[in-house]
C-alpha atoms as a PDB file:
ATOM      1  CA  MET A   1     162.037  88.715  91.310  1.00  0.00           C
ATOM      2  CA  TYR A   2     162.824  89.666  87.722  1.00  0.00           C
ATOM      3  CA  GLU A   3     164.627  92.994  87.864  1.00  0.00           C
ATOM      4  CA  PHE A   4     165.269  95.382  84.994  1.00  0.00           C
ATOM      5  CA  PRO A   5     166.797  98.884  84.998  1.00  0.00           C
ATOM      6  CA  SER A   6     163.351 100.531  85.047  1.00  0.00           C
ATOM      7  CA  PHE A   7     160.962  97.966  86.503  1.00  0.00           C
ATOM      8  CA  VAL A   8     160.694  94.822  88.627  1.00  0.00           C
ATOM      9  CA  TYR A   9     158.317  91.868  88.517  1.00  0.00           C
ATOM     10  CA  LEU A  10     157.628  90.289  91.926  1.00  0.00           C
ATOM     11  CA  ASP A  11     156.764  86.672  91.173  1.00  0.00           C
ATOM     12  CA  MET A  12     154.535  84.929  93.696  1.00  0.00           C
ATOM     13  CA  GLU A  13     154.401  81.150  93.237  1.00  0.00           C
ATOM     14  CA  LYS A  14     151.515  79.561  91.304  1.00  0.00           C
ATOM     15  CA  THR A  15     150.197  82.873  89.948  1.00  0.00           C
ATOM     16  CA  GLY A  16     151.283  82.542  86.316  1.00  0.00           C
ATOM     17  CA  SER A  17     154.817  83.646  87.137  1.00  0.00           C
ATOM     18  CA  SER A  18     156.481  81.206  84.712  1.00  0.00           C
ATOM     19  CA  PHE A  19     154.489  82.732  81.850  1.00  0.00           C
ATOM     20  CA  ILE A  20     155.391  86.281  82.888  1.00  0.00           C
ATOM     21  CA  PHE A  21     159.088  85.388  83.186  1.00  0.00           C
ATOM     22  CA  VAL A  22     159.149  84.035  79.636  1.00  0.00           C
ATOM     23  CA  PHE A  23     157.036  86.934  78.369  1.00  0.00           C
ATOM     24  CA  LEU A  24     159.412  89.529  79.809  1.00  0.00           C
ATOM     25  CA  GLY A  25     162.400  87.681  78.403  1.00  0.00           C
ATOM     26  CA  GLU A  26     160.831  87.789  74.960  1.00  0.00           C
ATOM     27  CA  CYS A  27     159.242  91.244  74.936  1.00  0.00           C
ATOM     28  CA  ALA A  28     161.152  93.589  77.269  1.00  0.00           C
ATOM     29  CA  ASN A  29     163.376  96.169  75.575  1.00  0.00           C
ATOM     30  CA  GLU A  30     165.775  96.313  78.528  1.00  0.00           C
ATOM     31  CA  GLU A  31     168.416  93.820  79.602  1.00  0.00           C
ATOM     32  CA  ALA A  32     167.622  92.094  82.880  1.00  0.00           C
ATOM     33  CA  ILE A  33     169.722  92.880  85.936  1.00  0.00           C
ATOM     34  CA  ARG A  34     168.617  89.947  88.089  1.00  0.00           C
ATOM     35  CA  ARG A  35     166.396  86.925  87.630  1.00  0.00           C
ATOM     36  CA  LYS A  36     165.783  85.036  90.867  1.00  0.00           C
ATOM     37  CA  HIS A  37     162.559  83.057  91.081  1.00  0.00           C
ATOM     38  CA  HIS A  38     160.349  83.987  94.045  1.00  0.00           C
ATOM     39  CA  MET A  39     163.073  85.981  95.802  1.00  0.00           C
ATOM     40  CA  PRO A  40     162.125  89.198  97.647  1.00  0.00           C
ATOM     41  CA  MET A  41     163.710  92.601  97.273  1.00  0.00           C
ATOM     42  CA  GLU A  42     166.198  93.933  99.785  1.00  0.00           C
ATOM     43  CA  GLU A  43     165.204  96.699 102.173  1.00  0.00           C
ATOM     44  CA  ASP A  44     167.473  99.162 100.352  1.00  0.00           C
ATOM     45  CA  CYS A  45     165.984  98.436  96.905  1.00  0.00           C
ATOM     46  CA  ASP A  46     165.453 101.206  94.368  1.00  0.00           C
ATOM     47  CA  ARG A  47     161.922 102.451  95.034  1.00  0.00           C
ATOM     48  CA  SER A  48     161.983 104.738  92.007  1.00  0.00           C
ATOM     49  CA  LYS A  49     161.424 101.702  89.776  1.00  0.00           C
ATOM     50  CA  PHE A  50     157.999 100.453  88.704  1.00  0.00           C
ATOM     51  CA  TYR A  51     156.991  97.282  90.574  1.00  0.00           C
ATOM     52  CA  PHE A  52     154.212  94.858  89.757  1.00  0.00           C
ATOM     53  CA  ILE A  53     153.168  91.548  91.276  1.00  0.00           C
ATOM     54  CA  SER A  54     150.845  88.637  90.484  1.00  0.00           C
ATOM     55  CA  VAL A  55     148.365  87.169  92.955  1.00  0.00           C
ATOM     56  CA  ARG A  56     145.815  84.361  93.162  1.00  0.00           C
ATOM     57  CA  ASP A  57     142.820  83.315  95.226  1.00  0.00           C
ATOM     58  CA  PRO A  58     144.436  81.271  98.035  1.00  0.00           C
ATOM     59  CA  LEU A  59     141.988  78.374  97.672  1.00  0.00           C
ATOM     60  CA  ASP A  60     142.732  78.182  93.956  1.00  0.00           C
ATOM     61  CA  ALA A  61     146.452  78.348  94.734  1.00  0.00           C
ATOM     62  CA  TYR A  62     146.158  75.504  97.251  1.00  0.00           C
ATOM     63  CA  ILE A  63     144.312  73.322  94.726  1.00  0.00           C
ATOM     64  CA  SER A  64     147.013  74.079  92.159  1.00  0.00           C
ATOM     65  CA  LEU A  65     149.799  73.290  94.649  1.00  0.00           C
ATOM     66  CA  TYR A  66     148.121  70.022  95.553  1.00  0.00           C
ATOM     67  CA  SER A  67     147.547  69.089  91.913  1.00  0.00           C
ATOM     68  CA  PHE A  68     151.212  69.856  91.167  1.00  0.00           C
ATOM     69  CA  GLY A  69     152.218  67.610  94.040  1.00  0.00           C
ATOM     70  CA  CYS A  70     150.018  64.788  92.742  1.00  0.00           C
ATOM     71  CA  GLN A  71     152.465  64.713  89.823  1.00  0.00           C
ATOM     72  CA  SER A  72     155.353  64.525  92.334  1.00  0.00           C
ATOM     73  CA  ARG A  73     156.404  68.030  91.361  1.00  0.00           C
ATOM     74  CA  GLY A  74     157.322  71.159  93.273  1.00  0.00           C
ATOM     75  CA  LYS A  75     159.235  72.159  96.393  1.00  0.00           C
ATOM     76  CA  VAL A  76     156.110  72.153  98.572  1.00  0.00           C
ATOM     77  CA  PHE A  77     155.501  68.520  97.591  1.00  0.00           C
ATOM     78  CA  ALA A  78     159.091  67.659  98.500  1.00  0.00           C
ATOM     79  CA  ARG A  79     158.975  69.426 101.876  1.00  0.00           C
ATOM     80  CA  LEU A  80     155.603  67.978 102.894  1.00  0.00           C
ATOM     81  CA  SER A  81     156.443  64.501 101.647  1.00  0.00           C
ATOM     82  CA  ARG A  82     159.514  64.406 103.870  1.00  0.00           C
ATOM     83  CA  ARG A  83     157.099  64.836 106.784  1.00  0.00           C
ATOM     84  CA  GLY A  84     154.895  61.944 105.783  1.00  0.00           C
ATOM     85  CA  MET A  85     152.216  63.850 103.903  1.00  0.00           C
ATOM     86  CA  ASP A  86     152.909  62.155 100.561  1.00  0.00           C
ATOM     87  CA  LYS A  87     150.134  59.674 101.384  1.00  0.00           C
ATOM     88  CA  HIS A  88     147.578  62.454 100.848  1.00  0.00           C
ATOM     89  CA  TYR A  89     148.675  63.108  97.254  1.00  0.00           C
ATOM     90  CA  ASP A  90     146.199  60.628  95.772  1.00  0.00           C
ATOM     91  CA  GLY A  91     144.230  63.112  93.654  1.00  0.00           C
ATOM     92  CA  THR A  92     140.961  62.545  95.507  1.00  0.00           C
ATOM     93  CA  THR A  93     138.641  64.929  97.302  1.00  0.00           C
ATOM     94  CA  LYS A  94     139.404  63.181 100.576  1.00  0.00           C
ATOM     95  CA  GLY A  95     143.128  63.415  99.907  1.00  0.00           C
ATOM     96  CA  PHE A  96     142.943  67.137  99.191  1.00  0.00           C
ATOM     97  CA  ASN A  97     140.864  67.883 102.286  1.00  0.00           C
ATOM     98  CA  ARG A  98     143.324  65.994 104.491  1.00  0.00           C
ATOM     99  CA  TRP A  99     146.262  67.711 102.785  1.00  0.00           C
ATOM    100  CA  LEU A 100     144.698  71.173 103.145  1.00  0.00           C
ATOM    101  CA  LYS A 101     144.002  70.568 106.834  1.00  0.00           C
ATOM    102  CA  HIS A 102     147.709  69.951 107.364  1.00  0.00           C
ATOM    103  CA  ALA A 103     148.800  72.809 105.083  1.00  0.00           C
ATOM    104  CA  LEU A 104     146.728  75.299 107.085  1.00  0.00           C
ATOM    105  CA  ARG A 105     148.153  74.322 110.447  1.00  0.00           C
ATOM    106  CA  THR A 106     150.151  77.163 111.972  1.00  0.00           C
ATOM    107  CA  GLU A 107     153.154  74.933 112.642  1.00  0.00           C
ATOM    108  CA  ASN A 108     153.341  74.061 108.926  1.00  0.00           C
ATOM    109  CA  THR A 109     153.413  77.653 107.653  1.00  0.00           C
ATOM    110  CA  HIS A 110     157.140  77.475 106.959  1.00  0.00           C
ATOM    111  CA  LEU A 111     156.752  74.268 104.948  1.00  0.00           C
ATOM    112  CA  VAL A 112     154.192  75.774 102.562  1.00  0.00           C
ATOM    113  CA  SER A 113     155.648  79.284 102.422  1.00  0.00           C
ATOM    114  CA  GLY A 114     159.188  78.001 101.947  1.00  0.00           C
ATOM    115  CA  ASP A 115     160.655  80.568 104.325  1.00  0.00           C
ATOM    116  CA  GLN A 116     161.808  80.733 107.927  1.00  0.00           C
ATOM    117  CA  VAL A 117     158.715  81.675 109.876  1.00  0.00           C
ATOM    118  CA  SER A 118     158.486  81.961 113.649  1.00  0.00           C
ATOM    119  CA  GLU A 119     155.675  80.333 115.602  1.00  0.00           C
ATOM    120  CA  SER A 120     154.059  83.707 116.268  1.00  0.00           C
ATOM    121  CA  MET A 121     154.214  84.688 112.598  1.00  0.00           C
ATOM    122  CA  GLY A 122     152.742  81.324 111.610  1.00  0.00           C
ATOM    123  CA  GLU A 123     149.814  82.044 113.909  1.00  0.00           C
ATOM    124  CA  LEU A 124     149.308  85.565 112.522  1.00  0.00           C
ATOM    125  CA  LEU A 125     149.544  84.873 108.768  1.00  0.00           C
ATOM    126  CA  GLY A 126     148.575  81.986 106.522  1.00  0.00           C
ATOM    127  CA  PRO A 127     151.178  80.648 104.056  1.00  0.00           C
ATOM    128  CA  GLN A 128     149.728  82.321 100.952  1.00  0.00           C
ATOM    129  CA  SER A 129     149.359  85.690 102.669  1.00  0.00           C
ATOM    130  CA  TYR A 130     152.919  85.425 103.938  1.00  0.00           C
ATOM    131  CA  ARG A 131     154.163  84.530 100.446  1.00  0.00           C
ATOM    132  CA  TYR A 132     152.538  87.658  99.070  1.00  0.00           C
ATOM    133  CA  LEU A 133     153.816  89.977 101.776  1.00  0.00           C
ATOM    134  CA  ARG A 134     157.423  88.742 101.659  1.00  0.00           C
ATOM    135  CA  LEU A 135     157.528  89.887  98.018  1.00  0.00           C
ATOM    136  CA  ALA A 136     155.380  93.006  98.279  1.00  0.00           C
ATOM    137  CA  VAL A 137     157.352  94.471 101.190  1.00  0.00           C
ATOM    138  CA  PRO A 138     161.149  94.812 100.898  1.00  0.00           C
ATOM    139  CA  GLY A 139     163.018  93.248 103.789  1.00  0.00           C
ATOM    140  CA  ALA A 140     159.685  91.757 104.836  1.00  0.00           C
ATOM    141  CA  ARG A 141     160.833  88.912 107.080  1.00  0.00           C
ATOM    142  CA  GLU A 142     162.240  91.043 109.881  1.00  0.00           C
ATOM    143  CA  LYS A 143     159.496  93.670 109.569  1.00  0.00           C
ATOM    144  CA  LEU A 144     156.709  91.102 109.689  1.00  0.00           C
ATOM    145  CA  GLU A 145     158.243  89.372 112.685  1.00  0.00           C
ATOM    146  CA  ALA A 146     157.897  92.667 114.552  1.00  0.00           C
ATOM    147  CA  CYS A 147     154.122  92.671 113.922  1.00  0.00           C
ATOM    148  CA  THR A 148     151.872  91.199 116.588  1.00  0.00           C
ATOM    149  CA  THR A 149     148.409  92.207 115.303  1.00  0.00           C
ATOM    150  CA  ARG A 150     146.538  92.331 112.020  1.00  0.00           C
ATOM    151  CA  GLU A 151     146.402  96.101 112.294  1.00  0.00           C
ATOM    152  CA  GLU A 152     150.193  96.249 112.426  1.00  0.00           C
ATOM    153  CA  VAL A 153     150.442  94.047 109.326  1.00  0.00           C
ATOM    154  CA  PHE A 154     148.048  96.350 107.448  1.00  0.00           C
ATOM    155  CA  ALA A 155     149.979  99.426 108.539  1.00  0.00           C
ATOM    156  CA  LEU A 156     153.283  97.879 107.433  1.00  0.00           C
ATOM    157  CA  TYR A 157     151.854  96.961 104.039  1.00  0.00           C
ATOM    158  CA  GLU A 158     150.362 100.386 103.384  1.00  0.00           C
ATOM    159  CA  LYS A 159     153.590 102.110 104.371  1.00  0.00           C
ATOM    160  CA  GLU A 160     156.152  99.822 102.715  1.00  0.00           C
ATOM    161  CA  LYS A 161     154.495  98.033  99.766  1.00  0.00           C
ATOM    162  CA  LEU A 162     156.326  98.071  96.426  1.00  0.00           C
ATOM    163  CA  PRO A 163     153.788  96.982  93.771  1.00  0.00           C
ATOM    164  CA  SER A 164     151.667  99.612  92.077  1.00  0.00           C
ATOM    165  CA  PHE A 165     150.031  97.148  89.677  1.00  0.00           C
ATOM    166  CA  ILE A 166     148.457  93.755  90.412  1.00  0.00           C
ATOM    167  CA  VAL A 167     148.002  90.930  87.901  1.00  0.00           C
ATOM    168  CA  ARG A 168     145.192  88.744  89.236  1.00  0.00           C
ATOM    169  CA  HIS A 169     145.265  85.114  88.180  1.00  0.00           C
ATOM    170  CA  GLU A 170     141.505  85.033  87.611  1.00  0.00           C
ATOM    171  CA  SER A 171     141.796  87.879  85.077  1.00  0.00           C
ATOM    172  CA  PHE A 172     145.348  87.102  84.015  1.00  0.00           C
ATOM    173  CA  VAL A 173     145.225  87.855  80.291  1.00  0.00           C
ATOM    174  CA  LYS A 174     143.124  90.999  80.741  1.00  0.00           C
ATOM    175  CA  ASP A 175     145.341  92.387  83.490  1.00  0.00           C
ATOM    176  CA  LEU A 176     148.618  91.570  81.771  1.00  0.00           C
ATOM    177  CA  ALA A 177     147.422  93.118  78.516  1.00  0.00           C
ATOM    178  CA  GLU A 178     146.346  96.230  80.446  1.00  0.00           C
ATOM    179  CA  LEU A 179     149.788  96.358  82.045  1.00  0.00           C
ATOM    180  CA  VAL A 180     151.497  96.183  78.638  1.00  0.00           C
ATOM    181  CA  ARG A 181     149.295  98.898  77.136  1.00  0.00           C
ATOM    182  CA  GLY A 182     149.721 101.087  80.211  1.00  0.00           C
ATOM    183  CA  PRO A 183     152.516 101.270  82.800  1.00  0.00           C
ATOM    184  CA  LEU A 184     154.848  98.837  81.011  1.00  0.00           C
ATOM    185  CA  ARG A 185     154.465 100.202  77.466  1.00  0.00           C
ATOM    186  CA  ASN A 186     157.746 102.135  77.476  1.00  0.00           C
ATOM    187  CA  TRP A 187     159.719  99.012  78.340  1.00  0.00           C
ATOM    188  CA  VAL A 188     158.435  96.545  75.747  1.00  0.00           C
ATOM    189  CA  LYS A 189     159.779  96.270  72.214  1.00  0.00           C
ATOM    190  CA  ASP A 190     156.397  96.326  70.472  1.00  0.00           C
ATOM    191  CA  VAL A 191     153.190  96.932  72.423  1.00  0.00           C
ATOM    192  CA  ASP A 192     150.845  95.313  69.896  1.00  0.00           C
ATOM    193  CA  ALA A 193     153.089  92.271  69.498  1.00  0.00           C
ATOM    194  CA  ALA A 194     153.413  91.955  73.274  1.00  0.00           C
ATOM    195  CA  VAL A 195     149.634  92.081  73.753  1.00  0.00           C
ATOM    196  CA  LYS A 196     149.189  89.431  71.054  1.00  0.00           C
ATOM    197  CA  TYR A 197     151.750  87.251  72.851  1.00  0.00           C
ATOM    198  CA  VAL A 198     149.793  87.582  76.095  1.00  0.00           C
ATOM    199  CA  GLU A 199     146.500  86.753  74.399  1.00  0.00           C
ATOM    200  CA  THR A 200     147.650  83.809  72.287  1.00  0.00           C
ATOM    201  CA  GLU A 201     150.493  81.993  74.050  1.00  0.00           C
ATOM    202  CA  LYS A 202     149.639  78.906  76.103  1.00  0.00           C
ATOM    203  CA  PRO A 203     150.079  78.802  79.903  1.00  0.00           C
ATOM    204  CA  ARG A 204     153.398  77.479  81.187  1.00  0.00           C
ATOM    205  CA  ASN A 205     154.259  75.094  83.998  1.00  0.00           C
ATOM    206  CA  SER A 206     150.575  74.337  84.576  1.00  0.00           C
ATOM    207  CA  SER A 207     149.305  71.178  86.261  1.00  0.00           C
ATOM    208  CA  ASP A 208     146.324  68.909  85.628  1.00  0.00           C
ATOM    209  CA  ARG A 209     143.946  70.040  88.352  1.00  0.00           C
ATOM    210  CA  VAL A 210     142.310  67.453  90.557  1.00  0.00           C
ATOM    211  CA  ASP A 211     139.022  69.369  90.527  1.00  0.00           C
ATOM    212  CA  GLN A 212     138.816  69.565  86.739  1.00  0.00           C
ATOM    213  CA  ASP A 213     135.775  67.723  85.353  1.00  0.00           C
ATOM    214  CA  ASN A 214     135.178  66.271  88.816  1.00  0.00           C
ATOM    215  CA  GLU A 215     131.648  67.052  89.961  1.00  0.00           C
ATOM    216  CA  ASP A 216     132.268  65.197  93.228  1.00  0.00           C
ATOM    217  CA  PHE A 217     135.136  67.475  94.241  1.00  0.00           C
ATOM    218  CA  THR A 218     134.011  69.279  97.370  1.00  0.00           C
ATOM    219  CA  ILE A 219     135.793  71.023 100.207  1.00  0.00           C
ATOM    220  CA  ASN A 220     134.855  70.601 103.824  1.00  0.00           C
ATOM    221  CA  PRO A 221     132.982  73.775 104.932  1.00  0.00           C
ATOM    222  CA  ARG A 222     134.979  73.860 108.166  1.00  0.00           C
ATOM    223  CA  LEU A 223     138.177  73.874 106.118  1.00  0.00           C
ATOM    224  CA  LEU A 224     136.879  76.741 103.993  1.00  0.00           C
ATOM    225  CA  LYS A 225     136.177  78.695 107.159  1.00  0.00           C
ATOM    226  CA  ARG A 226     139.628  77.875 108.462  1.00  0.00           C
ATOM    227  CA  LEU A 227     141.209  78.935 105.173  1.00  0.00           C
ATOM    228  CA  ARG A 228     139.400  82.287 105.332  1.00  0.00           C
ATOM    229  CA  GLU A 229     140.656  82.784 108.870  1.00  0.00           C
ATOM    230  CA  ARG A 230     144.244  81.870 107.991  1.00  0.00           C
ATOM    231  CA  GLU A 231     144.370  83.888 104.747  1.00  0.00           C
ATOM    232  CA  TRP A 232     142.572  86.910 106.183  1.00  0.00           C
ATOM    233  CA  PHE A 233     145.070  89.337 104.661  1.00  0.00           C
ATOM    234  CA  LEU A 234     144.448  88.302 101.046  1.00  0.00           C
ATOM    235  CA  HIS A 235     140.716  88.308 101.759  1.00  0.00           C
ATOM    236  CA  GLU A 236     140.817  91.844 103.131  1.00  0.00           C
ATOM    237  CA  ILE A 237     143.098  93.267 100.442  1.00  0.00           C
ATOM    238  CA  PHE A 238     141.792  91.475  97.349  1.00  0.00           C
ATOM    239  CA  GLY A 239     138.398  90.111  98.343  1.00  0.00           C
ATOM    240  CA  TYR A 240     139.405  86.459  98.154  1.00  0.00           C
END
């Protein structure tokens, strides 16, 4: 999270969070209280503040995570490599499909999400959906562990969610500019300058994607079906 006196950014991994961190450091007119990458809010957080979060199509996020790992970068790469999955980081379609098959296994949820996840929670939520919920809901770990059905997860989210604005990765510049002109305008030094920054600055911490300019890059249809099943929450909430 990146917490300020009046607002908080909830930074989900691989959603443009590095850019938003730098942007807020440059353009916010308040001094930051806390800056802890990808850390959730406590259950007793100040709900009177304005919260926003960034999100990404889970398939796109998985391709980005894999591409990052092909450069031997990232915590997910380190965790999976220690379990013998480094052999799949060859940058090929076959390598990605094998890697994704492992990443979507319920017993590997904790390795991709980077959090302590019980077996039952790993079966209920895919890694990307869990990553989103642990940031969107304060004190999420214990509350999610108490959920046994999808309906209970939905109910928890609707009751407890913090973010009132979503920056989608697929419309990143548009959404972030809208945020600056709207809900965030009172907490930036110069609205026009901030919008220009969003529209002109280059992405940060990006990776060379394995599917870029690769017409032969295809994903096994059974894996796509499995991904939809595992990341059902993001599909239902955001249409991914």
